[in-house]
Amino acid sequence: MSVVKITEISASSSKSFEKAMKNGIERASKTLQNVRGAWVESQKVTVKDGQIDQYRVIMKVSFELN
């Protein structure tokens, strides 16, 4: 039987929501072992001078405990 834990992370990118998600998973995988999945809880952008400055996501990341 496996036990899975879920943690919430925030990630960002100046390029896209997809890149923000990728950045978040890559960073989480450096600290958490056995990352199994993630889902986006929310998305938002920051605006600077009338242009999108940052794409931000809040994600729930699941990982299996040893």
PDB file of N, CA and C in Angstrom:
ATOM      1  N   MET A   1       0.837  -1.169   0.000  1.00  0.00           N
ATOM      2  CA  MET A   1       0.000   0.000   0.000  1.00  0.00           C
ATOM      3  C   MET A   1       0.891   1.245   0.000  1.00  0.00           C
ATOM      4  N   SER A   2       0.538   2.216  -0.793  1.00  0.00           N
ATOM      5  CA  SER A   2       1.309   3.453  -0.827  1.00  0.00           C
ATOM      6  C   SER A   2       0.514   4.597  -0.208  1.00  0.00           C
ATOM      7  N   VAL A   3       1.256   5.549   0.311  1.00  0.00           N
ATOM      8  CA  VAL A   3       0.663   6.745   0.890  1.00  0.00           C
ATOM      9  C   VAL A   3       1.137   7.934   0.075  1.00  0.00           C
ATOM     10  N   VAL A   4       0.186   8.769  -0.327  1.00  0.00           N
ATOM     11  CA  VAL A   4       0.496   9.930  -1.147  1.00  0.00           C
ATOM     12  C   VAL A   4       0.181  11.187  -0.358  1.00  0.00           C
ATOM     13  N   LYS A   5       1.091  12.140  -0.417  1.00  0.00           N
ATOM     14  CA  LYS A   5       0.896  13.422   0.250  1.00  0.00           C
ATOM     15  C   LYS A   5       0.709  14.488  -0.823  1.00  0.00           C
ATOM     16  N   ILE A   6      -0.031  15.536  -0.484  1.00  0.00           N
ATOM     17  CA  ILE A   6      -0.281  16.628  -1.419  1.00  0.00           C
ATOM     18  C   ILE A   6       0.212  17.922  -0.796  1.00  0.00           C
ATOM     19  N   THR A   7       0.928  18.693  -1.587  1.00  0.00           N
ATOM     20  CA  THR A   7       1.407  19.988  -1.130  1.00  0.00           C
ATOM     21  C   THR A   7       1.044  21.051  -2.164  1.00  0.00           C
ATOM     22  N   GLU A   8       0.909  22.264  -1.716  1.00  0.00           N
ATOM     23  CA  GLU A   8       0.537  23.365  -2.610  1.00  0.00           C
ATOM     24  C   GLU A   8       1.775  24.195  -2.926  1.00  0.00           C
ATOM     25  N   ILE A   9       1.948  24.512  -4.211  1.00  0.00           N
ATOM     26  CA  ILE A   9       3.076  25.342  -4.612  1.00  0.00           C
ATOM     27  C   ILE A   9       2.587  26.455  -5.533  1.00  0.00           C
ATOM     28  N   SER A  10       3.393  27.491  -5.614  1.00  0.00           N
ATOM     29  CA  SER A  10       3.145  28.604  -6.522  1.00  0.00           C
ATOM     30  C   SER A  10       4.326  28.677  -7.474  1.00  0.00           C
ATOM     31  N   ALA A  11       4.052  28.896  -8.758  1.00  0.00           N
ATOM     32  CA  ALA A  11       5.131  28.992  -9.741  1.00  0.00           C
ATOM     33  C   ALA A  11       4.785  30.072 -10.762  1.00  0.00           C
ATOM     34  N   SER A  12       5.812  30.605 -11.410  1.00  0.00           N
ATOM     35  CA  SER A  12       5.556  31.677 -12.375  1.00  0.00           C
ATOM     36  C   SER A  12       6.488  31.579 -13.574  1.00  0.00           C
ATOM     37  N   SER A  13       6.122  32.313 -14.617  1.00  0.00           N
ATOM     38  CA  SER A  13       6.912  32.403 -15.838  1.00  0.00           C
ATOM     39  C   SER A  13       6.551  33.702 -16.543  1.00  0.00           C
ATOM     40  N   SER A  14       7.494  34.238 -17.258  1.00  0.00           N
ATOM     41  CA  SER A  14       7.203  35.429 -18.065  1.00  0.00           C
ATOM     42  C   SER A  14       6.701  35.036 -19.450  1.00  0.00           C
ATOM     43  N   LYS A  15       6.680  33.728 -19.759  1.00  0.00           N
ATOM     44  CA  LYS A  15       6.317  33.237 -21.096  1.00  0.00           C
ATOM     45  C   LYS A  15       4.866  32.770 -21.225  1.00  0.00           C
ATOM     46  N   SER A  16       4.421  31.853 -20.320  1.00  0.00           N
ATOM     47  CA  SER A  16       3.093  31.261 -20.467  1.00  0.00           C
ATOM     48  C   SER A  16       2.697  30.498 -19.203  1.00  0.00           C
ATOM     49  N   PHE A  17       1.400  30.150 -19.111  1.00  0.00           N
ATOM     50  CA  PHE A  17       0.937  29.311 -18.015  1.00  0.00           C
ATOM     51  C   PHE A  17       1.595  27.936 -18.089  1.00  0.00           C
ATOM     52  N   GLU A  18       1.737  27.411 -19.292  1.00  0.00           N
ATOM     53  CA  GLU A  18       2.362  26.097 -19.471  1.00  0.00           C
ATOM     54  C   GLU A  18       3.794  26.096 -18.924  1.00  0.00           C
ATOM     55  N   LYS A  19       4.547  27.145 -19.216  1.00  0.00           N
ATOM     56  CA  LYS A  19       5.924  27.249 -18.723  1.00  0.00           C
ATOM     57  C   LYS A  19       5.934  27.407 -17.204  1.00  0.00           C
ATOM     58  N   ALA A  20       4.969  28.133 -16.656  1.00  0.00           N
ATOM     59  CA  ALA A  20       4.873  28.273 -15.200  1.00  0.00           C
ATOM     60  C   ALA A  20       4.642  26.909 -14.549  1.00  0.00           C
ATOM     61  N   MET A  21       3.755  26.096 -15.143  1.00  0.00           N
ATOM     62  CA  MET A  21       3.512  24.750 -14.613  1.00  0.00           C
ATOM     63  C   MET A  21       4.776  23.906 -14.683  1.00  0.00           C
ATOM     64  N   LYS A  22       5.451  23.971 -15.811  1.00  0.00           N
ATOM     65  CA  LYS A  22       6.694  23.204 -15.991  1.00  0.00           C
ATOM     66  C   LYS A  22       7.744  23.639 -14.970  1.00  0.00           C
ATOM     67  N   ASN A  23       7.888  24.941 -14.769  1.00  0.00           N
ATOM     68  CA  ASN A  23       8.843  25.447 -13.777  1.00  0.00           C
ATOM     69  C   ASN A  23       8.510  24.922 -12.386  1.00  0.00           C
ATOM     70  N   GLY A  24       7.231  24.926 -12.041  1.00  0.00           N
ATOM     71  CA  GLY A  24       6.811  24.447 -10.730  1.00  0.00           C
ATOM     72  C   GLY A  24       7.113  22.974 -10.510  1.00  0.00           C
ATOM     73  N   ILE A  25       6.804  22.151 -11.497  1.00  0.00           N
ATOM     74  CA  ILE A  25       7.054  20.705 -11.379  1.00  0.00           C
ATOM     75  C   ILE A  25       8.551  20.419 -11.320  1.00  0.00           C
ATOM     76  N   GLU A  26       9.330  21.102 -12.169  1.00  0.00           N
ATOM     77  CA  GLU A  26      10.785  20.885 -12.151  1.00  0.00           C
ATOM     78  C   GLU A  26      11.377  21.260 -10.799  1.00  0.00           C
ATOM     79  N   ARG A  27      10.932  22.366 -10.238  1.00  0.00           N
ATOM     80  CA  ARG A  27      11.465  22.806  -8.947  1.00  0.00           C
ATOM     81  C   ARG A  27      10.999  21.882  -7.828  1.00  0.00           C
ATOM     82  N   ALA A  28       9.731  21.493  -7.830  1.00  0.00           N
ATOM     83  CA  ALA A  28       9.212  20.591  -6.798  1.00  0.00           C
ATOM     84  C   ALA A  28       9.953  19.261  -6.828  1.00  0.00           C
ATOM     85  N   SER A  29      10.287  18.784  -8.018  1.00  0.00           N
ATOM     86  CA  SER A  29      10.966  17.492  -8.158  1.00  0.00           C
ATOM     87  C   SER A  29      12.387  17.514  -7.604  1.00  0.00           C
ATOM     88  N   LYS A  30      12.967  18.690  -7.457  1.00  0.00           N
ATOM     89  CA  LYS A  30      14.311  18.789  -6.859  1.00  0.00           C
ATOM     90  C   LYS A  30      14.258  18.557  -5.350  1.00  0.00           C
ATOM     91  N   THR A  31      13.129  18.878  -4.729  1.00  0.00           N
ATOM     92  CA  THR A  31      12.983  18.776  -3.284  1.00  0.00           C
ATOM     93  C   THR A  31      12.162  17.552  -2.866  1.00  0.00           C
ATOM     94  N   LEU A  32      11.110  17.269  -3.609  1.00  0.00           N
ATOM     95  CA  LEU A  32      10.211  16.162  -3.277  1.00  0.00           C
ATOM     96  C   LEU A  32      10.576  14.927  -4.081  1.00  0.00           C
ATOM     97  N   GLN A  33      10.562  13.779  -3.440  1.00  0.00           N
ATOM     98  CA  GLN A  33      10.812  12.521  -4.132  1.00  0.00           C
ATOM     99  C   GLN A  33       9.484  11.924  -4.578  1.00  0.00           C
ATOM    100  N   ASN A  34       9.517  11.186  -5.664  1.00  0.00           N
ATOM    101  CA  ASN A  34       8.359  10.426  -6.146  1.00  0.00           C
ATOM    102  C   ASN A  34       7.152  11.290  -6.493  1.00  0.00           C
ATOM    103  N   VAL A  35       7.392  12.427  -7.168  1.00  0.00           N
ATOM    104  CA  VAL A  35       6.269  13.264  -7.604  1.00  0.00           C
ATOM    105  C   VAL A  35       5.445  12.445  -8.590  1.00  0.00           C
ATOM    106  N   ARG A  36       4.123  12.371  -8.357  1.00  0.00           N
ATOM    107  CA  ARG A  36       3.239  11.523  -9.163  1.00  0.00           C
ATOM    108  C   ARG A  36       2.252  12.298 -10.016  1.00  0.00           C
ATOM    109  N   GLY A  37       1.970  13.539  -9.652  1.00  0.00           N
ATOM    110  CA  GLY A  37       1.005  14.296 -10.440  1.00  0.00           C
ATOM    111  C   GLY A  37       0.785  15.682  -9.858  1.00  0.00           C
ATOM    112  N   ALA A  38       0.010  16.477 -10.591  1.00  0.00           N
ATOM    113  CA  ALA A  38      -0.313  17.824 -10.122  1.00  0.00           C
ATOM    114  C   ALA A  38      -1.561  18.308 -10.830  1.00  0.00           C
ATOM    115  N   TRP A  39      -2.255  19.250 -10.193  1.00  0.00           N
ATOM    116  CA  TRP A  39      -3.369  19.913 -10.861  1.00  0.00           C
ATOM    117  C   TRP A  39      -3.323  21.381 -10.503  1.00  0.00           C
ATOM    118  N   VAL A  40      -3.763  22.177 -11.439  1.00  0.00           N
ATOM    119  CA  VAL A  40      -3.746  23.628 -11.268  1.00  0.00           C
ATOM    120  C   VAL A  40      -5.002  24.051 -10.517  1.00  0.00           C
ATOM    121  N   GLU A  41      -4.799  24.707  -9.413  1.00  0.00           N
ATOM    122  CA  GLU A  41      -5.919  25.196  -8.616  1.00  0.00           C
ATOM    123  C   GLU A  41      -6.364  26.570  -9.113  1.00  0.00           C
ATOM    124  N   SER A  42      -5.403  27.420  -9.490  1.00  0.00           N
ATOM    125  CA  SER A  42      -5.763  28.737 -10.012  1.00  0.00           C
ATOM    126  C   SER A  42      -4.655  29.294 -10.896  1.00  0.00           C
ATOM    127  N   GLN A  43      -5.056  30.226 -11.730  1.00  0.00           N
ATOM    128  CA  GLN A  43      -4.127  30.915 -12.624  1.00  0.00           C
ATOM    129  C   GLN A  43      -4.379  32.410 -12.505  1.00  0.00           C
ATOM    130  N   LYS A  44      -3.318  33.184 -12.637  1.00  0.00           N
ATOM    131  CA  LYS A  44      -3.487  34.629 -12.679  1.00  0.00           C
ATOM    132  C   LYS A  44      -2.300  35.237 -13.411  1.00  0.00           C
ATOM    133  N   VAL A  45      -2.454  36.472 -13.803  1.00  0.00           N
ATOM    134  CA  VAL A  45      -1.359  37.193 -14.445  1.00  0.00           C
ATOM    135  C   VAL A  45      -1.123  38.499 -13.699  1.00  0.00           C
ATOM    136  N   THR A  46       0.097  38.983 -13.793  1.00  0.00           N
ATOM    137  CA  THR A  46       0.390  40.333 -13.329  1.00  0.00           C
ATOM    138  C   THR A  46       0.614  41.190 -14.567  1.00  0.00           C
ATOM    139  N   VAL A  47       0.260  42.440 -14.468  1.00  0.00           N
ATOM    140  CA  VAL A  47       0.323  43.352 -15.613  1.00  0.00           C
ATOM    141  C   VAL A  47       1.248  44.515 -15.283  1.00  0.00           C
ATOM    142  N   LYS A  48       2.078  44.853 -16.255  1.00  0.00           N
ATOM    143  CA  LYS A  48       2.992  45.988 -16.116  1.00  0.00           C
ATOM    144  C   LYS A  48       2.943  46.794 -17.406  1.00  0.00           C
ATOM    145  N   ASP A  49       2.667  48.068 -17.303  1.00  0.00           N
ATOM    146  CA  ASP A  49       2.595  48.954 -18.465  1.00  0.00           C
ATOM    147  C   ASP A  49       1.619  48.442 -19.528  1.00  0.00           C
ATOM    148  N   GLY A  50       0.494  47.888 -19.087  1.00  0.00           N
ATOM    149  CA  GLY A  50      -0.532  47.427 -20.014  1.00  0.00           C
ATOM    150  C   GLY A  50      -0.231  46.098 -20.696  1.00  0.00           C
ATOM    151  N   GLN A  51       0.826  45.421 -20.288  1.00  0.00           N
ATOM    152  CA  GLN A  51       1.215  44.131 -20.876  1.00  0.00           C
ATOM    153  C   GLN A  51       1.324  43.085 -19.770  1.00  0.00           C
ATOM    154  N   ILE A  52       1.072  41.837 -20.135  1.00  0.00           N
ATOM    155  CA  ILE A  52       1.236  40.746 -19.166  1.00  0.00           C
ATOM    156  C   ILE A  52       2.709  40.638 -18.808  1.00  0.00           C
ATOM    157  N   ASP A  53       2.971  40.695 -17.522  1.00  0.00           N
ATOM    158  CA  ASP A  53       4.342  40.644 -17.004  1.00  0.00           C
ATOM    159  C   ASP A  53       4.708  39.231 -16.547  1.00  0.00           C
ATOM    160  N   GLN A  54       3.794  38.587 -15.807  1.00  0.00           N
ATOM    161  CA  GLN A  54       4.042  37.248 -15.279  1.00  0.00           C
ATOM    162  C   GLN A  54       2.778  36.404 -15.352  1.00  0.00           C
ATOM    163  N   TYR A  55       2.957  35.138 -15.697  1.00  0.00           N
ATOM    164  CA  TYR A  55       1.899  34.130 -15.632  1.00  0.00           C
ATOM    165  C   TYR A  55       2.154  33.353 -14.348  1.00  0.00           C
ATOM    166  N   ARG A  56       1.149  33.235 -13.497  1.00  0.00           N
ATOM    167  CA  ARG A  56       1.325  32.554 -12.213  1.00  0.00           C
ATOM    168  C   ARG A  56       0.278  31.468 -12.025  1.00  0.00           C
ATOM    169  N   VAL A  57       0.715  30.361 -11.451  1.00  0.00           N
ATOM    170  CA  VAL A  57      -0.190  29.249 -11.152  1.00  0.00           C
ATOM    171  C   VAL A  57      -0.012  28.815  -9.705  1.00  0.00           C
ATOM    172  N   ILE A  58      -1.111  28.398  -9.112  1.00  0.00           N
ATOM    173  CA  ILE A  58      -1.093  27.723  -7.816  1.00  0.00           C
ATOM    174  C   ILE A  58      -1.445  26.274  -8.134  1.00  0.00           C
ATOM    175  N   MET A  59      -0.564  25.350  -7.755  1.00  0.00           N
ATOM    176  CA  MET A  59      -0.756  23.937  -8.074  1.00  0.00           C
ATOM    177  C   MET A  59      -0.734  23.093  -6.810  1.00  0.00           C
ATOM    178  N   LYS A  60      -1.481  22.004  -6.853  1.00  0.00           N
ATOM    179  CA  LYS A  60      -1.414  20.948  -5.851  1.00  0.00           C
ATOM    180  C   LYS A  60      -0.561  19.847  -6.466  1.00  0.00           C
ATOM    181  N   VAL A  61       0.500  19.475  -5.769  1.00  0.00           N
ATOM    182  CA  VAL A  61       1.429  18.459  -6.258  1.00  0.00           C
ATOM    183  C   VAL A  61       1.331  17.246  -5.348  1.00  0.00           C
ATOM    184  N   SER A  62       1.168  16.078  -5.953  1.00  0.00           N
ATOM    185  CA  SER A  62       1.097  14.846  -5.156  1.00  0.00           C
ATOM    186  C   SER A  62       2.404  14.075  -5.301  1.00  0.00           C
ATOM    187  N   PHE A  63       2.839  13.501  -4.183  1.00  0.00           N
ATOM    188  CA  PHE A  63       4.063  12.696  -4.200  1.00  0.00           C
ATOM    189  C   PHE A  63       3.899  11.532  -3.237  1.00  0.00           C
ATOM    190  N   GLU A  64       4.507  10.422  -3.599  1.00  0.00           N
ATOM    191  CA  GLU A  64       4.398   9.197  -2.816  1.00  0.00           C
ATOM    192  C   GLU A  64       5.450   9.183  -1.721  1.00  0.00           C
ATOM    193  N   LEU A  65       5.029   8.883  -0.503  1.00  0.00           N
ATOM    194  CA  LEU A  65       5.958   8.802   0.618  1.00  0.00           C
ATOM    195  C   LEU A  65       6.689   7.467   0.591  1.00  0.00           C
ATOM    196  N   ASN A  66       7.948   7.498   1.013  1.00  0.00           N
ATOM    197  CA  ASN A  66       8.757   6.269   1.087  1.00  0.00           C
ATOM    198  C   ASN A  66       8.314   5.421   2.257  1.00  0.00           C
TER     199      ASN A  66
END
